[in-house]
Amino acid sequence: MTREDMLARLIAQATHEGGDLVTLRAMVEESSEMGAERVLNRLGLSDENAQDDIDELRELLQAWRDAKASAWKAALEWFVRGLLALLLIGIAYRLNVPALLK
């Protein structure tokens, strides 16, 4: 019996006999599972390699986050080095270091 058949029988039972709590819960469960299965099929994640694909995507996403974080860190380090270099040049100019070197 397929999920569609099971859901159709549950709906018929609820219509014919009235919807008790067990029947309604079973209907919700079956329809939820059918919806989830439909979504996985549409996304192409219903085959046996789906878990491997998801694991690879997670690894790729983590690698992207790591690369982005290290790029920002490197850019910040270069910015701080540039500021420190400008500060040293300003100090040397104030102390008149070029005149001392002549």
C-alpha atoms as a PDB file:
ATOM      1  CA  MET A   1       0.000   0.000   0.000  1.00  0.00           C
ATOM      2  CA  THR A   2       1.427   3.371  -1.003  1.00  0.00           C
ATOM      3  CA  ARG A   3       1.350   6.494   1.102  1.00  0.00           C
ATOM      4  CA  GLU A   4      -1.277   7.996  -1.176  1.00  0.00           C
ATOM      5  CA  ASP A   5      -3.524   4.970  -0.673  1.00  0.00           C
ATOM      6  CA  MET A   6      -3.020   5.093   3.086  1.00  0.00           C
ATOM      7  CA  LEU A   7      -3.869   8.792   3.209  1.00  0.00           C
ATOM      8  CA  ALA A   8      -6.944   8.266   1.025  1.00  0.00           C
ATOM      9  CA  ARG A   9      -8.172   5.500   3.347  1.00  0.00           C
ATOM     10  CA  LEU A  10      -7.575   7.650   6.423  1.00  0.00           C
ATOM     11  CA  ILE A  11      -9.504  10.531   4.879  1.00  0.00           C
ATOM     12  CA  ALA A  12     -12.337   8.198   3.946  1.00  0.00           C
ATOM     13  CA  GLN A  13     -12.362   6.777   7.475  1.00  0.00           C
ATOM     14  CA  ALA A  14     -12.418  10.252   9.013  1.00  0.00           C
ATOM     15  CA  THR A  15     -15.243  11.297   6.692  1.00  0.00           C
ATOM     16  CA  HIS A  16     -17.273   8.156   7.231  1.00  0.00           C
ATOM     17  CA  GLU A  17     -16.749   7.521  10.944  1.00  0.00           C
ATOM     18  CA  GLY A  18     -15.832  10.962  12.162  1.00  0.00           C
ATOM     19  CA  GLY A  19     -12.379  12.235  12.899  1.00  0.00           C
ATOM     20  CA  ASP A  20     -11.070  10.885  16.169  1.00  0.00           C
ATOM     21  CA  LEU A  21      -7.672  11.991  17.436  1.00  0.00           C
ATOM     22  CA  VAL A  22      -5.817   8.844  16.316  1.00  0.00           C
ATOM     23  CA  THR A  23      -7.174   9.085  12.774  1.00  0.00           C
ATOM     24  CA  LEU A  24      -6.340  12.785  12.518  1.00  0.00           C
ATOM     25  CA  ARG A  25      -2.817  12.221  13.800  1.00  0.00           C
ATOM     26  CA  ALA A  26      -2.319   9.397  11.320  1.00  0.00           C
ATOM     27  CA  MET A  27      -3.551  11.667   8.515  1.00  0.00           C
ATOM     28  CA  VAL A  28      -1.171  14.427   9.510  1.00  0.00           C
ATOM     29  CA  GLU A  29       1.739  11.999   9.767  1.00  0.00           C
ATOM     30  CA  GLU A  30       1.068  10.411   6.377  1.00  0.00           C
ATOM     31  CA  SER A  31       0.577  13.736   4.633  1.00  0.00           C
ATOM     32  CA  SER A  32       3.746  15.133   6.257  1.00  0.00           C
ATOM     33  CA  GLU A  33       5.779  12.166   5.098  1.00  0.00           C
ATOM     34  CA  MET A  34       4.347  12.476   1.583  1.00  0.00           C
ATOM     35  CA  GLY A  35       5.199  16.177   1.517  1.00  0.00           C
ATOM     36  CA  ALA A  36       8.731  15.554   2.749  1.00  0.00           C
ATOM     37  CA  GLU A  37       9.222  12.822   0.171  1.00  0.00           C
ATOM     38  CA  ARG A  38       7.940  15.122  -2.575  1.00  0.00           C
ATOM     39  CA  VAL A  39      10.328  17.895  -1.531  1.00  0.00           C
ATOM     40  CA  LEU A  40      13.303  15.531  -1.457  1.00  0.00           C
ATOM     41  CA  ASN A  41      12.381  14.284  -4.935  1.00  0.00           C
ATOM     42  CA  ARG A  42      12.148  17.827  -6.278  1.00  0.00           C
ATOM     43  CA  LEU A  43      15.528  18.715  -4.782  1.00  0.00           C
ATOM     44  CA  GLY A  44      17.101  15.565  -6.191  1.00  0.00           C
ATOM     45  CA  LEU A  45      17.925  14.248  -2.738  1.00  0.00           C
ATOM     46  CA  SER A  46      15.865  11.084  -2.743  1.00  0.00           C
ATOM     47  CA  ASP A  47      18.541   8.674  -3.984  1.00  0.00           C
ATOM     48  CA  GLU A  48      21.011   6.662  -1.915  1.00  0.00           C
ATOM     49  CA  ASN A  49      23.838   9.167  -2.542  1.00  0.00           C
ATOM     50  CA  ALA A  50      21.875  12.041  -1.020  1.00  0.00           C
ATOM     51  CA  GLN A  51      23.562  11.839   2.389  1.00  0.00           C
ATOM     52  CA  ASP A  52      27.002  11.925   0.758  1.00  0.00           C
ATOM     53  CA  ASP A  53      25.926  14.938  -1.303  1.00  0.00           C
ATOM     54  CA  ILE A  54      24.718  16.774   1.792  1.00  0.00           C
ATOM     55  CA  ASP A  55      27.939  15.936   3.655  1.00  0.00           C
ATOM     56  CA  GLU A  56      30.007  17.290   0.756  1.00  0.00           C
ATOM     57  CA  LEU A  57      27.916  20.457   0.622  1.00  0.00           C
ATOM     58  CA  ARG A  58      28.422  20.981   4.344  1.00  0.00           C
ATOM     59  CA  GLU A  59      32.167  20.503   3.974  1.00  0.00           C
ATOM     60  CA  LEU A  60      32.213  22.953   1.061  1.00  0.00           C
ATOM     61  CA  LEU A  61      30.223  25.496   3.036  1.00  0.00           C
ATOM     62  CA  GLN A  62      32.557  25.157   6.021  1.00  0.00           C
ATOM     63  CA  ALA A  63      35.591  25.571   3.752  1.00  0.00           C
ATOM     64  CA  TRP A  64      34.007  28.723   2.283  1.00  0.00           C
ATOM     65  CA  ARG A  65      33.381  30.127   5.768  1.00  0.00           C
ATOM     66  CA  ASP A  66      36.957  29.351   6.823  1.00  0.00           C
ATOM     67  CA  ALA A  67      38.376  30.976   3.673  1.00  0.00           C
ATOM     68  CA  LYS A  68      36.189  34.051   4.142  1.00  0.00           C
ATOM     69  CA  ALA A  69      37.242  34.406   7.773  1.00  0.00           C
ATOM     70  CA  SER A  70      40.936  34.068   6.949  1.00  0.00           C
ATOM     71  CA  ALA A  71      40.608  36.581   4.094  1.00  0.00           C
ATOM     72  CA  TRP A  72      39.046  39.134   6.429  1.00  0.00           C
ATOM     73  CA  LYS A  73      41.730  38.450   9.010  1.00  0.00           C
ATOM     74  CA  ALA A  74      44.506  38.923   6.426  1.00  0.00           C
ATOM     75  CA  ALA A  75      42.925  42.154   5.148  1.00  0.00           C
ATOM     76  CA  LEU A  76      42.676  43.494   8.698  1.00  0.00           C
ATOM     77  CA  GLU A  77      46.303  42.576   9.408  1.00  0.00           C
ATOM     78  CA  TRP A  78      47.468  44.415   6.259  1.00  0.00           C
ATOM     79  CA  PHE A  79      45.378  47.440   7.205  1.00  0.00           C
ATOM     80  CA  VAL A  80      46.908  47.557  10.693  1.00  0.00           C
ATOM     81  CA  ARG A  81      50.409  47.169   9.243  1.00  0.00           C
ATOM     82  CA  GLY A  82      49.746  50.055   6.863  1.00  0.00           C
ATOM     83  CA  LEU A  83      48.553  52.249   9.726  1.00  0.00           C
ATOM     84  CA  LEU A  84      51.609  51.363  11.780  1.00  0.00           C
ATOM     85  CA  ALA A  85      53.883  52.159   8.834  1.00  0.00           C
ATOM     86  CA  LEU A  86      52.186  55.552   8.423  1.00  0.00           C
ATOM     87  CA  LEU A  87      52.586  56.166  12.139  1.00  0.00           C
ATOM     88  CA  LEU A  88      56.303  55.391  11.966  1.00  0.00           C
ATOM     89  CA  ILE A  89      56.727  57.693   8.961  1.00  0.00           C
ATOM     90  CA  GLY A  90      54.914  60.446  10.852  1.00  0.00           C
ATOM     91  CA  ILE A  91      57.125  59.966  13.915  1.00  0.00           C
ATOM     92  CA  ALA A  92      60.253  60.007  11.748  1.00  0.00           C
ATOM     93  CA  TYR A  93      59.107  63.218  10.080  1.00  0.00           C
ATOM     94  CA  ARG A  94      58.377  64.867  13.449  1.00  0.00           C
ATOM     95  CA  LEU A  95      61.795  63.891  14.781  1.00  0.00           C
ATOM     96  CA  ASN A  96      63.342  65.280  11.618  1.00  0.00           C
ATOM     97  CA  VAL A  97      65.114  62.003  10.864  1.00  0.00           C
ATOM     98  CA  PRO A  98      65.913  62.993   7.229  1.00  0.00           C
ATOM     99  CA  ALA A  99      68.013  65.892   8.552  1.00  0.00           C
ATOM    100  CA  LEU A 100      69.885  63.548  10.889  1.00  0.00           C
ATOM    101  CA  LEU A 101      70.770  61.243   7.992  1.00  0.00           C
ATOM    102  CA  LYS A 102      72.523  63.993   5.974  1.00  0.00           C
END
